[in-house]
Amino acid sequence: MWPGTGRAQNPDDRPPGRGRRRNGTDEYVLPQEFAQWGEVSLILGRVTATSVTVSTMAAQPAEGYFEYGKSPGRYTSKTKLIEFPANEAVETTIGNLKPDTGYVYRLQWREPGTANFTERPECRFRTQRKVGSTFVFAVQGDSHPERPQMSDPALYARTLHHVALDSPDFYVCMGDDFSVDTISTVSPETVNERYALQRPFLGLVAQSSPLFLLNGNHEQASLFNYSQADVRHDVAVLAQNARNRYYPTIAPDGFYTGNPEPMKAIGSLKDYYAWTWGDALFVVLDNYWHSPALVDSPFQGEEGGGSQNGDSGNRSRDWWALTLGDAQYQWFKRTLEQSKAKYKFVFAHHVLGSGRGAVEESYLYEWGGMDKRGDWLFDDARPGWAMPIHQLMVKHGVTIFFQGHDHLFAKQDRDGIVYQEVPMPADPAYMARNSDRYESGTILPNSGHLRVTVSPEHVTVDYLRSYLAGDETPQQKTGDVAFSYTVKKGSNA
């Protein structure tokens, strides 16, 4: 079989006999064995203490209603009849729910003008957990459907199906899930296709576990692109609008805090946000929408992530120009200061949004305060900022910082914070890509996902592996725990 370890020296390395797609995602479809939900996909999101939003998309015009209740097979409430135009995502908010309560729901749908409804299989969700609860959430790294060497649809479906077996309270995607870089002709249709393509896959989990999204560099939704007077502006607008159209994304509403400032041609960006669940604070940062400078790879440019010198191919680039921006930083600082949560989890596509590595990068620029020569330049470079981002997280007891971008599993520790690189969910080469950029910690190859169990006593992170059926052996099977660690409040593993 294709080797399960080793470093990626070439992003086009691929296992023999796979990677049939030449360009785009035309062949990236959900395998039939997982397509049991018919022609209507459901994605949950924006869950609160008393509500949840369901995004519904039908392949053909349909109408229907949701029925729901607290016990399997018993539906005590239902919504009004809703119209579902073909290939359009329609959001329905189910409200007046009880906090910290499990619910079941199902969709009854039919073609307009017909008499009988079709019952979609029952799904589930849970409202906000109370303090002191034990719960599970799950995380995936970069799925990259546009890259056959890194993403096999059958393996992706196996990973997501296995995630769903644990019934996590919610699912977090670390970005580079809707990459638009390989689109040759930019239009609403071509960009929308990249976002719609993921719905049948992510729906395997998100029909029962609300979905939370991050922007990655390959989504190309960034302030730098937005500020250009050419196709890059169009890409930024179309990508962010597609994300907000096809998925129930997060705007500040009282339960969630986040970015209140609208953007012309987009409206609410819904890019950074935070919420509390049980004993934990969750904070999602955006590396790209607040940096006037290009953070990583340009549109239709090189792969990104930095050259061997960590400079994304430009040795003269000004790394101090890469920034979360004043508004996002001050919001992040207030969010950490005001939280009384026992555990704090922070998610961003990558330290600084570019380069490779985690702890290795955490000493640098606005994240750590120094330049690559070791000179402290933070005070002059970031006037008005209390301290660099890493020191801010240390001061306020961040438990784990999750990042994607580097395409492997890597667990590192610095100053009581776990820096956790999240593995890819569908890499058929099973490689530890970019492992040469990690100088410490536990390094393991793809593919799989992280299962995080939060209890009053501690947090447990399990790395669950995924394999194609033909690659499984008695020693390596989908669902195997490749690595596990526990973090207590105020300590790391």
Protein backbone atom coordinates (compact mmCIF):
# COMPACT_ATOMS: atom_id res chain seq x y z
CA MET A 1 0.00 0.00 0.00
CA TRP A 2 0.99 3.62 -0.29
CA PRO A 3 3.30 4.59 2.58
CA GLY A 4 1.52 5.86 5.68
CA THR A 5 4.29 8.12 6.88
CA GLY A 6 6.92 10.40 5.45
CA ARG A 7 7.21 14.04 4.63
CA ALA A 8 5.62 15.71 1.66
CA GLN A 9 8.41 17.05 -0.51
CA ASN A 10 6.04 17.82 -3.36
CA PRO A 11 2.40 18.86 -3.02
CA ASP A 12 1.61 16.84 -6.15
CA ASP A 13 2.84 13.57 -4.62
CA ARG A 14 -0.02 11.13 -4.85
CA PRO A 15 -0.63 7.40 -4.41
CA PRO A 16 -0.59 5.42 -7.64
CA GLY A 17 -3.92 4.87 -9.35
CA ARG A 18 -5.68 7.73 -7.58
CA GLY A 19 -6.21 11.39 -8.27
CA ARG A 20 -8.11 11.04 -11.54
CA ARG A 21 -9.35 14.64 -11.55
CA ARG A 22 -7.30 16.90 -13.77
CA ASN A 23 -8.86 20.20 -12.83
CA GLY A 24 -11.64 21.39 -10.58
CA THR A 25 -13.97 19.04 -8.74
CA ASP A 26 -16.12 17.46 -11.44
CA GLU A 27 -15.60 13.92 -10.15
CA TYR A 28 -15.80 14.79 -6.47
CA VAL A 29 -19.15 13.28 -5.55
CA LEU A 30 -20.50 11.50 -2.51
CA PRO A 31 -20.14 7.72 -2.89
CA GLN A 32 -23.46 5.95 -3.34
CA GLU A 33 -23.06 3.94 -0.14
CA PHE A 34 -23.34 7.19 1.83
CA ALA A 35 -26.02 8.87 -0.29
CA GLN A 36 -28.94 7.49 1.69
CA TRP A 37 -30.55 10.85 2.40
CA GLY A 38 -32.15 11.38 -0.99
CA GLU A 39 -32.18 14.64 -2.88
CA VAL A 40 -32.51 17.01 0.08
CA SER A 41 -29.45 18.00 2.15
CA LEU A 42 -29.64 19.44 5.66
CA ILE A 43 -27.00 21.48 7.50
CA LEU A 44 -27.51 22.61 11.09
CA GLY A 45 -25.91 25.78 12.44
CA ARG A 46 -26.27 28.80 14.75
CA VAL A 47 -27.39 26.62 17.64
CA THR A 48 -28.14 28.54 20.86
CA ALA A 49 -29.72 27.78 24.22
CA THR A 50 -33.21 28.02 22.73
CA SER A 51 -32.92 27.61 18.94
CA VAL A 52 -31.18 26.00 15.99
CA THR A 53 -31.08 26.92 12.30
CA VAL A 54 -31.55 24.30 9.58
CA SER A 55 -30.28 25.04 6.08
CA THR A 56 -32.16 22.94 3.51
CA MET A 57 -31.21 22.47 -0.13
CA ALA A 58 -33.23 20.38 -2.58
CA ALA A 59 -32.06 19.19 -5.98
CA GLN A 60 -35.55 19.80 -7.42
CA PRO A 61 -38.31 22.24 -6.32
CA ALA A 62 -39.90 20.97 -3.12
CA GLU A 63 -41.95 21.99 -0.12
CA GLY A 64 -42.08 20.62 3.36
CA TYR A 65 -42.03 21.13 7.09
CA PHE A 66 -39.95 20.06 10.07
CA GLU A 67 -41.41 18.13 12.96
CA TYR A 68 -39.48 17.81 16.19
CA GLY A 69 -39.60 16.67 19.79
CA LYS A 70 -37.52 15.40 22.71
CA SER A 71 -37.86 11.63 22.20
CA PRO A 72 -37.06 9.46 19.17
CA GLY A 73 -40.14 8.97 17.01
CA ARG A 74 -42.24 11.43 19.03
CA TYR A 75 -42.74 14.81 17.39
CA THR A 76 -44.70 17.27 19.48
CA SER A 77 -44.14 20.40 17.34
CA LYS A 78 -43.76 21.32 13.71
CA THR A 79 -42.97 24.32 11.54
CA LYS A 80 -45.15 25.88 8.88
CA LEU A 81 -44.97 24.64 5.28
CA ILE A 82 -41.77 25.93 3.64
CA GLU A 83 -40.91 26.27 -0.05
CA PHE A 84 -37.52 24.95 -1.21
CA PRO A 85 -36.56 26.25 -4.68
CA ALA A 86 -34.19 23.96 -6.57
CA ASN A 87 -30.52 24.27 -5.60
CA GLU A 88 -31.09 27.16 -3.22
CA ALA A 89 -30.27 26.94 0.48
CA VAL A 90 -33.24 27.91 2.63
CA GLU A 91 -32.72 28.62 6.33
CA THR A 92 -35.37 27.74 8.92
CA THR A 93 -34.98 28.65 12.58
CA ILE A 94 -36.56 26.29 15.07
CA GLY A 95 -37.12 28.30 18.25
CA ASN A 96 -38.72 28.18 21.69
CA LEU A 97 -36.55 25.23 22.67
CA LYS A 98 -35.36 24.25 26.15
CA PRO A 99 -31.72 24.85 27.13
CA ASP A 100 -29.41 21.86 27.57
CA THR A 101 -31.91 19.53 25.95
CA GLY A 102 -31.58 16.89 23.27
CA TYR A 103 -34.04 17.02 20.37
CA VAL A 104 -34.90 14.83 17.41
CA TYR A 105 -36.31 16.20 14.17
CA ARG A 106 -37.11 15.15 10.65
CA LEU A 107 -38.17 16.74 7.41
CA GLN A 108 -41.42 15.85 5.68
CA TRP A 109 -41.13 16.96 2.05
CA ARG A 110 -42.83 16.55 -1.32
CA GLU A 111 -42.80 17.87 -4.85
CA PRO A 112 -45.15 20.86 -5.18
CA GLY A 113 -48.59 19.82 -6.37
CA THR A 114 -48.34 16.26 -5.04
CA ALA A 115 -50.34 14.96 -2.11
CA ASN A 116 -48.01 12.67 -0.21
CA PHE A 117 -44.96 13.63 1.84
CA THR A 118 -41.68 11.72 1.98
CA GLU A 119 -40.18 11.26 5.43
CA ARG A 120 -36.52 12.07 5.63
CA PRO A 121 -34.73 9.97 8.29
CA GLU A 122 -34.72 11.29 11.84
CA CYS A 123 -31.80 13.49 12.93
CA ARG A 124 -30.84 15.06 16.25
CA PHE A 125 -29.29 18.10 17.90
CA ARG A 126 -28.73 19.52 21.37
CA THR A 127 -29.14 23.05 22.69
CA GLN A 128 -26.47 24.84 24.73
CA ARG A 129 -25.00 22.71 27.51
CA LYS A 130 -25.09 23.99 31.06
CA VAL A 131 -21.96 24.54 33.13
CA GLY A 132 -20.67 21.26 34.56
CA SER A 133 -21.80 19.15 31.60
CA THR A 134 -19.70 16.62 29.72
CA PHE A 135 -19.89 16.84 25.94
CA VAL A 136 -18.06 16.03 22.71
CA PHE A 137 -17.20 18.17 19.71
CA ALA A 138 -15.16 17.23 16.65
CA VAL A 139 -12.74 19.01 14.31
CA GLN A 140 -11.46 18.40 10.78
CA GLY A 141 -8.49 19.95 9.01
CA ASP A 142 -8.22 21.06 5.41
CA SER A 143 -10.38 18.86 3.16
CA HIS A 144 -9.17 20.41 -0.16
CA PRO A 145 -11.63 18.68 -2.57
CA GLU A 146 -9.92 20.37 -5.53
CA ARG A 147 -6.66 18.45 -4.90
CA PRO A 148 -6.89 14.76 -5.82
CA GLN A 149 -3.47 14.08 -4.30
CA MET A 150 -4.77 15.22 -0.92
CA SER A 151 -8.48 14.44 -0.97
CA ASP A 152 -10.31 11.26 -1.94
CA PRO A 153 -14.13 11.56 -1.84
CA ALA A 154 -14.61 7.99 -0.60
CA LEU A 155 -12.13 8.54 2.23
CA TYR A 156 -13.71 11.89 3.08
CA ALA A 157 -17.14 10.26 3.32
CA ARG A 158 -15.74 7.49 5.54
CA THR A 159 -14.24 10.08 7.90
CA LEU A 160 -17.45 12.11 8.14
CA HIS A 161 -19.58 9.00 8.60
CA HIS A 162 -17.34 7.92 11.46
CA VAL A 163 -17.49 11.39 13.04
CA ALA A 164 -21.28 11.15 13.05
CA LEU A 165 -21.19 7.90 15.02
CA ASP A 166 -19.98 9.84 18.08
CA SER A 167 -22.91 12.30 17.85
CA PRO A 168 -20.77 15.37 18.63
CA ASP A 169 -22.57 18.48 19.81
CA PHE A 170 -21.02 20.35 16.88
CA TYR A 171 -18.39 20.10 14.13
CA VAL A 172 -15.64 22.60 13.31
CA CYS A 173 -13.98 22.89 9.88
CA MET A 174 -10.58 24.59 9.92
CA GLY A 175 -10.72 26.15 6.42
CA ASP A 176 -9.50 25.32 2.90
CA ASP A 177 -12.71 23.38 2.42
CA PHE A 178 -14.06 25.58 -0.40
CA SER A 179 -10.88 26.42 -2.32
CA VAL A 180 -11.53 28.54 -5.39
CA ASP A 181 -7.94 28.75 -6.62
CA THR A 182 -8.39 26.36 -9.54
CA ILE A 183 -11.43 28.18 -10.97
CA SER A 184 -10.41 29.47 -14.40
CA THR A 185 -13.56 31.52 -15.08
CA VAL A 186 -14.85 33.42 -12.05
CA SER A 187 -18.62 33.77 -11.85
CA PRO A 188 -21.34 33.32 -9.22
CA GLU A 189 -22.01 29.87 -10.68
CA THR A 190 -18.41 28.62 -10.55
CA VAL A 191 -17.79 29.92 -7.02
CA ASN A 192 -21.15 28.68 -5.74
CA GLU A 193 -20.31 25.23 -7.09
CA ARG A 194 -17.35 24.96 -4.73
CA TYR A 195 -19.57 25.67 -1.74
CA ALA A 196 -22.53 23.55 -2.82
CA LEU A 197 -20.23 20.59 -3.54
CA GLN A 198 -19.48 20.15 0.17
CA ARG A 199 -23.08 20.02 1.36
CA PRO A 200 -23.71 16.27 0.76
CA PHE A 201 -20.41 15.46 2.48
CA LEU A 202 -20.62 17.80 5.46
CA GLY A 203 -24.29 16.94 5.83
CA LEU A 204 -23.28 13.43 6.92
CA VAL A 205 -22.26 15.08 10.20
CA ALA A 206 -23.99 18.45 10.16
CA GLN A 207 -27.55 17.15 9.77
CA SER A 208 -27.21 16.29 13.47
CA SER A 209 -24.18 18.30 14.65
CA PRO A 210 -24.24 22.05 13.98
CA LEU A 211 -21.45 23.21 11.71
CA PHE A 212 -18.92 25.97 12.40
CA LEU A 213 -16.72 27.24 9.54
CA LEU A 214 -13.42 29.11 9.28
CA ASN A 215 -11.95 30.83 6.26
CA GLY A 216 -8.69 29.41 4.97
CA ASN A 217 -6.22 31.03 2.61
CA HIS A 218 -7.53 29.09 -0.39
CA GLU A 219 -11.06 30.39 0.04
CA GLN A 220 -9.55 33.68 -1.18
CA ALA A 221 -12.05 35.63 0.94
CA SER A 222 -9.74 38.39 2.14
CA LEU A 223 -9.41 42.13 2.57
CA PHE A 224 -6.44 42.17 0.19
CA ASN A 225 -8.49 40.63 -2.64
CA TYR A 226 -11.53 42.76 -1.78
CA SER A 227 -9.40 45.92 -2.12
CA GLN A 228 -8.32 45.15 -5.70
CA ALA A 229 -10.04 46.59 -8.75
CA ASP A 230 -10.08 43.36 -10.75
CA VAL A 231 -11.20 39.73 -10.59
CA ARG A 232 -9.69 39.33 -7.11
CA HIS A 233 -12.34 41.68 -5.70
CA ASP A 234 -15.03 39.58 -7.33
CA VAL A 235 -13.54 36.39 -5.92
CA ALA A 236 -13.53 37.75 -2.35
CA VAL A 237 -17.14 38.93 -2.58
CA LEU A 238 -18.44 35.81 -4.30
CA ALA A 239 -16.64 33.43 -1.94
CA GLN A 240 -17.85 35.09 1.24
CA ASN A 241 -21.38 35.45 -0.08
CA ALA A 242 -21.43 31.79 -1.13
CA ARG A 243 -20.33 30.68 2.32
CA ASN A 244 -23.03 32.78 3.96
CA ARG A 245 -25.62 31.60 1.42
CA TYR A 246 -25.02 27.86 1.58
CA TYR A 247 -24.27 27.50 5.31
CA PRO A 248 -25.85 28.97 8.46
CA THR A 249 -22.91 31.15 9.46
CA ILE A 250 -22.53 33.26 12.60
CA ALA A 251 -23.30 36.95 13.17
CA PRO A 252 -23.41 38.60 16.61
CA ASP A 253 -26.89 38.12 18.06
CA GLY A 254 -26.68 38.11 21.85
CA PHE A 255 -25.74 34.45 22.12
CA TYR A 256 -22.77 34.79 19.77
CA THR A 257 -20.41 37.76 19.77
CA GLY A 258 -18.41 38.70 16.72
CA ASN A 259 -17.81 41.16 13.93
CA PRO A 260 -20.59 43.78 13.76
CA GLU A 261 -19.23 45.73 10.77
CA PRO A 262 -20.82 45.11 7.35
CA MET A 263 -18.92 45.16 4.06
CA LYS A 264 -20.25 46.65 0.85
CA ALA A 265 -21.60 43.97 -1.53
CA ILE A 266 -21.47 41.39 1.28
CA GLY A 267 -23.22 42.69 4.37
CA SER A 268 -22.25 40.92 7.57
CA LEU A 269 -18.93 39.13 7.05
CA LYS A 270 -19.64 36.52 9.75
CA ASP A 271 -15.92 35.88 9.90
CA TYR A 272 -14.87 35.94 13.58
CA TYR A 273 -17.12 34.93 16.45
CA ALA A 274 -17.31 33.35 19.91
CA TRP A 275 -19.74 31.46 22.11
CA THR A 276 -19.84 29.54 25.39
CA TRP A 277 -20.89 25.89 25.72
CA GLY A 278 -20.82 24.08 29.04
CA ASP A 279 -17.51 24.83 30.75
CA ALA A 280 -15.83 26.06 27.57
CA LEU A 281 -15.38 29.25 25.60
CA PHE A 282 -15.00 28.82 21.83
CA VAL A 283 -13.33 31.58 19.80
CA VAL A 284 -12.99 31.56 16.00
CA LEU A 285 -10.49 34.01 14.50
CA ASP A 286 -10.16 35.08 10.86
CA ASN A 287 -6.65 35.48 9.44
CA TYR A 288 -7.64 37.09 6.14
CA TRP A 289 -10.48 39.62 6.26
CA HIS A 290 -8.62 42.26 8.30
CA SER A 291 -5.13 42.27 6.79
CA PRO A 292 -4.62 44.90 4.06
CA ALA A 293 -1.57 42.94 2.88
CA LEU A 294 -1.69 39.60 1.08
CA VAL A 295 -1.47 37.00 3.85
CA ASP A 296 -0.69 33.86 1.88
CA SER A 297 -1.05 32.53 -1.66
CA PRO A 298 -2.48 34.88 -4.31
CA PHE A 299 -5.55 33.95 -6.32
CA GLN A 300 -4.60 31.33 -8.93
CA GLY A 301 -1.08 31.51 -7.55
CA GLU A 302 1.25 29.00 -5.93
CA GLU A 303 0.14 26.49 -3.30
CA GLY A 304 0.78 28.84 -0.38
CA GLY A 305 1.89 28.16 3.14
CA GLY A 306 5.38 29.50 2.74
CA SER A 307 8.51 28.41 0.99
CA GLN A 308 11.26 26.55 2.78
CA ASN A 309 12.18 29.92 4.27
CA GLY A 310 8.60 30.53 5.38
CA ASP A 311 8.23 33.54 3.11
CA SER A 312 5.54 32.29 0.69
CA GLY A 313 8.01 32.70 -2.14
CA ASN A 314 8.74 36.37 -1.38
CA ARG A 315 11.89 36.87 0.66
CA SER A 316 11.32 40.60 0.93
CA ARG A 317 7.75 40.44 2.22
CA ASP A 318 6.91 42.44 5.34
CA TRP A 319 5.55 39.92 7.84
CA TRP A 320 4.47 42.70 10.19
CA ALA A 321 1.94 43.67 7.51
CA LEU A 322 0.05 40.42 8.17
CA THR A 323 -2.50 41.11 10.87
CA LEU A 324 -5.77 40.22 12.56
CA GLY A 325 -6.44 43.95 12.57
CA ASP A 326 -7.11 46.29 15.46
CA ALA A 327 -10.85 45.62 15.74
CA GLN A 328 -10.51 41.83 15.78
CA TYR A 329 -7.61 41.93 18.23
CA GLN A 330 -9.45 44.19 20.69
CA TRP A 331 -12.57 42.02 20.43
CA PHE A 332 -10.45 38.91 21.06
CA LYS A 333 -8.85 40.56 24.08
CA ARG A 334 -12.24 41.54 25.55
CA THR A 335 -13.66 38.08 24.87
CA LEU A 336 -10.86 36.37 26.78
CA GLU A 337 -10.91 38.93 29.61
CA GLN A 338 -14.65 38.68 30.16
CA SER A 339 -14.95 34.91 29.98
CA LYS A 340 -15.26 32.92 33.20
CA ALA A 341 -15.13 29.60 31.35
CA LYS A 342 -12.93 26.86 32.78
CA TYR A 343 -11.56 25.97 29.34
CA LYS A 344 -10.86 28.23 26.38
CA PHE A 345 -10.48 26.94 22.82
CA VAL A 346 -9.23 29.19 20.02
CA PHE A 347 -9.45 28.30 16.32
CA ALA A 348 -7.67 29.97 13.39
CA HIS A 349 -6.56 28.63 10.05
CA HIS A 350 -2.93 29.18 11.04
CA VAL A 351 -0.59 31.16 13.28
CA LEU A 352 -0.15 34.43 11.34
CA GLY A 353 -2.32 32.94 8.57
CA SER A 354 0.74 31.81 6.62
CA GLY A 355 4.10 30.07 6.93
CA ARG A 356 4.44 26.55 8.29
CA GLY A 357 4.70 25.25 11.83
CA ALA A 358 2.91 26.23 15.03
CA VAL A 359 5.02 26.78 18.16
CA GLU A 360 7.89 27.64 15.81
CA GLU A 361 5.86 30.56 14.42
CA SER A 362 4.32 31.62 17.73
CA TYR A 363 7.38 33.69 18.72
CA LEU A 364 7.12 35.89 15.66
CA TYR A 365 5.54 39.20 14.67
CA GLU A 366 2.15 40.07 16.13
CA TRP A 367 1.77 36.53 17.44
CA GLY A 368 4.92 36.58 19.58
CA GLY A 369 6.44 40.05 19.29
CA MET A 370 9.81 39.34 17.64
CA ASP A 371 11.11 39.33 14.11
CA LYS A 372 13.08 36.42 12.68
CA ARG A 373 16.36 37.86 13.97
CA GLY A 374 15.00 37.75 17.52
CA ASP A 375 14.52 41.50 17.86
CA TRP A 376 11.50 42.70 19.88
CA LEU A 377 9.63 45.12 17.62
CA PHE A 378 6.09 44.59 18.88
CA ASP A 379 5.60 47.88 20.72
CA ASP A 380 6.41 49.98 17.66
CA ALA A 381 4.68 47.64 15.19
CA ARG A 382 1.41 47.29 17.12
CA PRO A 383 0.68 50.53 19.02
CA GLY A 384 -2.44 50.18 21.16
CA TRP A 385 -2.12 46.41 21.52
CA ALA A 386 -1.58 45.26 25.09
CA MET A 387 0.63 42.31 24.19
CA PRO A 388 1.22 39.80 21.38
CA ILE A 389 -1.42 37.17 20.67
CA HIS A 390 0.44 34.24 22.24
CA GLN A 391 1.08 36.18 25.46
CA LEU A 392 -2.57 37.26 25.51
CA MET A 393 -3.67 33.63 25.29
CA VAL A 394 -1.26 32.64 28.06
CA LYS A 395 -2.47 35.43 30.34
CA HIS A 396 -6.09 34.40 29.97
CA GLY A 397 -5.61 30.64 30.20
CA VAL A 398 -6.30 29.42 26.67
CA THR A 399 -6.39 25.62 26.80
CA ILE A 400 -5.86 24.63 23.15
CA PHE A 401 -5.15 26.63 20.01
CA PHE A 402 -6.37 24.67 16.96
CA GLN A 403 -5.01 25.34 13.48
CA GLY A 404 -5.10 23.75 10.03
CA HIS A 405 -3.08 24.66 6.93
CA ASP A 406 -0.11 22.32 7.42
CA HIS A 407 -1.82 19.02 6.49
CA LEU A 408 -0.78 16.65 9.29
CA PHE A 409 -1.38 15.86 12.97
CA ALA A 410 0.99 17.77 15.26
CA LYS A 411 0.56 18.35 18.99
CA GLN A 412 2.94 20.84 20.61
CA ASP A 413 3.06 22.70 23.93
CA ARG A 414 4.22 26.16 24.88
CA ASP A 415 3.66 28.08 28.12
CA GLY A 416 0.73 25.89 29.17
CA ILE A 417 -1.07 26.13 25.80
CA VAL A 418 -1.46 23.18 23.46
CA TYR A 419 -0.85 24.12 19.83
CA GLN A 420 -2.84 21.52 17.89
CA GLU A 421 -2.45 21.10 14.13
CA VAL A 422 -5.55 19.29 12.86
CA PRO A 423 -5.09 16.41 10.38
CA MET A 424 -6.65 16.26 6.94
CA PRO A 425 -9.80 14.12 6.73
CA ALA A 426 -9.29 12.59 3.27
CA ASP A 427 -5.61 12.35 2.33
CA PRO A 428 -5.29 9.01 0.46
CA ALA A 429 -1.48 9.18 0.69
CA TYR A 430 -1.65 9.08 4.53
CA MET A 431 1.28 11.49 4.74
CA ALA A 432 2.65 13.74 7.45
CA ARG A 433 2.97 16.66 5.10
CA ASN A 434 5.23 19.58 6.11
CA SER A 435 6.47 17.65 9.13
CA ASP A 436 9.95 19.09 8.58
CA ARG A 437 8.58 22.44 9.77
CA TYR A 438 7.78 21.06 13.24
CA GLU A 439 10.78 20.92 15.59
CA SER A 440 9.01 19.42 18.61
CA GLY A 441 5.91 17.58 19.72
CA THR A 442 4.02 14.53 18.51
CA ILE A 443 3.90 14.30 14.71
CA LEU A 444 1.62 11.80 12.94
CA PRO A 445 0.39 11.31 9.36
CA ASN A 446 -3.08 11.82 7.88
CA SER A 447 -5.95 10.96 7.63
CA GLY A 448 -8.66 11.38 10.25
CA HIS A 449 -10.26 13.85 12.63
CA LEU A 450 -10.10 15.00 16.24
CA ARG A 451 -12.67 14.07 18.86
CA VAL A 452 -12.60 16.40 21.86
CA THR A 453 -14.36 15.41 25.08
CA VAL A 454 -14.90 18.21 27.58
CA SER A 455 -15.73 17.30 31.18
CA PRO A 456 -15.60 19.29 34.41
CA GLU A 457 -12.37 17.50 35.33
CA HIS A 458 -10.39 17.63 32.08
CA VAL A 459 -10.34 17.80 28.28
CA THR A 460 -9.43 14.70 26.26
CA VAL A 461 -8.34 14.94 22.62
CA ASP A 462 -8.37 11.76 20.51
CA TYR A 463 -6.94 11.51 17.02
CA LEU A 464 -9.13 8.99 15.18
CA ARG A 465 -7.67 7.62 11.96
CA SER A 466 -9.48 7.01 8.68
CA TYR A 467 -8.55 4.64 5.86
CA LEU A 468 -10.04 3.62 2.56
CA ALA A 469 -11.60 0.16 2.77
CA GLY A 470 -8.88 -1.34 0.61
CA ASP A 471 -6.15 0.11 2.82
CA GLU A 472 -7.45 -1.26 6.11
CA THR A 473 -5.58 -4.09 7.83
CA PRO A 474 -5.93 -5.73 11.25
CA GLN A 475 -3.39 -3.18 12.47
CA GLN A 476 -4.98 -0.08 10.95
CA LYS A 477 -8.71 0.49 10.74
CA THR A 478 -10.97 3.50 10.48
CA GLY A 479 -11.78 4.60 14.01
CA ASP A 480 -8.45 3.57 15.54
CA VAL A 481 -7.21 6.06 18.12
CA ALA A 482 -3.72 6.95 16.92
CA PHE A 483 -2.96 9.33 19.78
CA SER A 484 -4.76 10.66 22.84
CA TYR A 485 -3.94 13.25 25.47
CA THR A 486 -5.61 14.93 28.41
CA VAL A 487 -5.45 18.57 29.50
CA LYS A 488 -6.54 19.81 32.90
CA LYS A 489 -7.37 23.39 33.70
CA GLY A 490 -4.16 25.34 34.07
CA SER A 491 -1.91 22.59 32.69
CA ASN A 492 -1.02 20.79 29.51
CA ALA A 493 -0.44 17.15 28.78
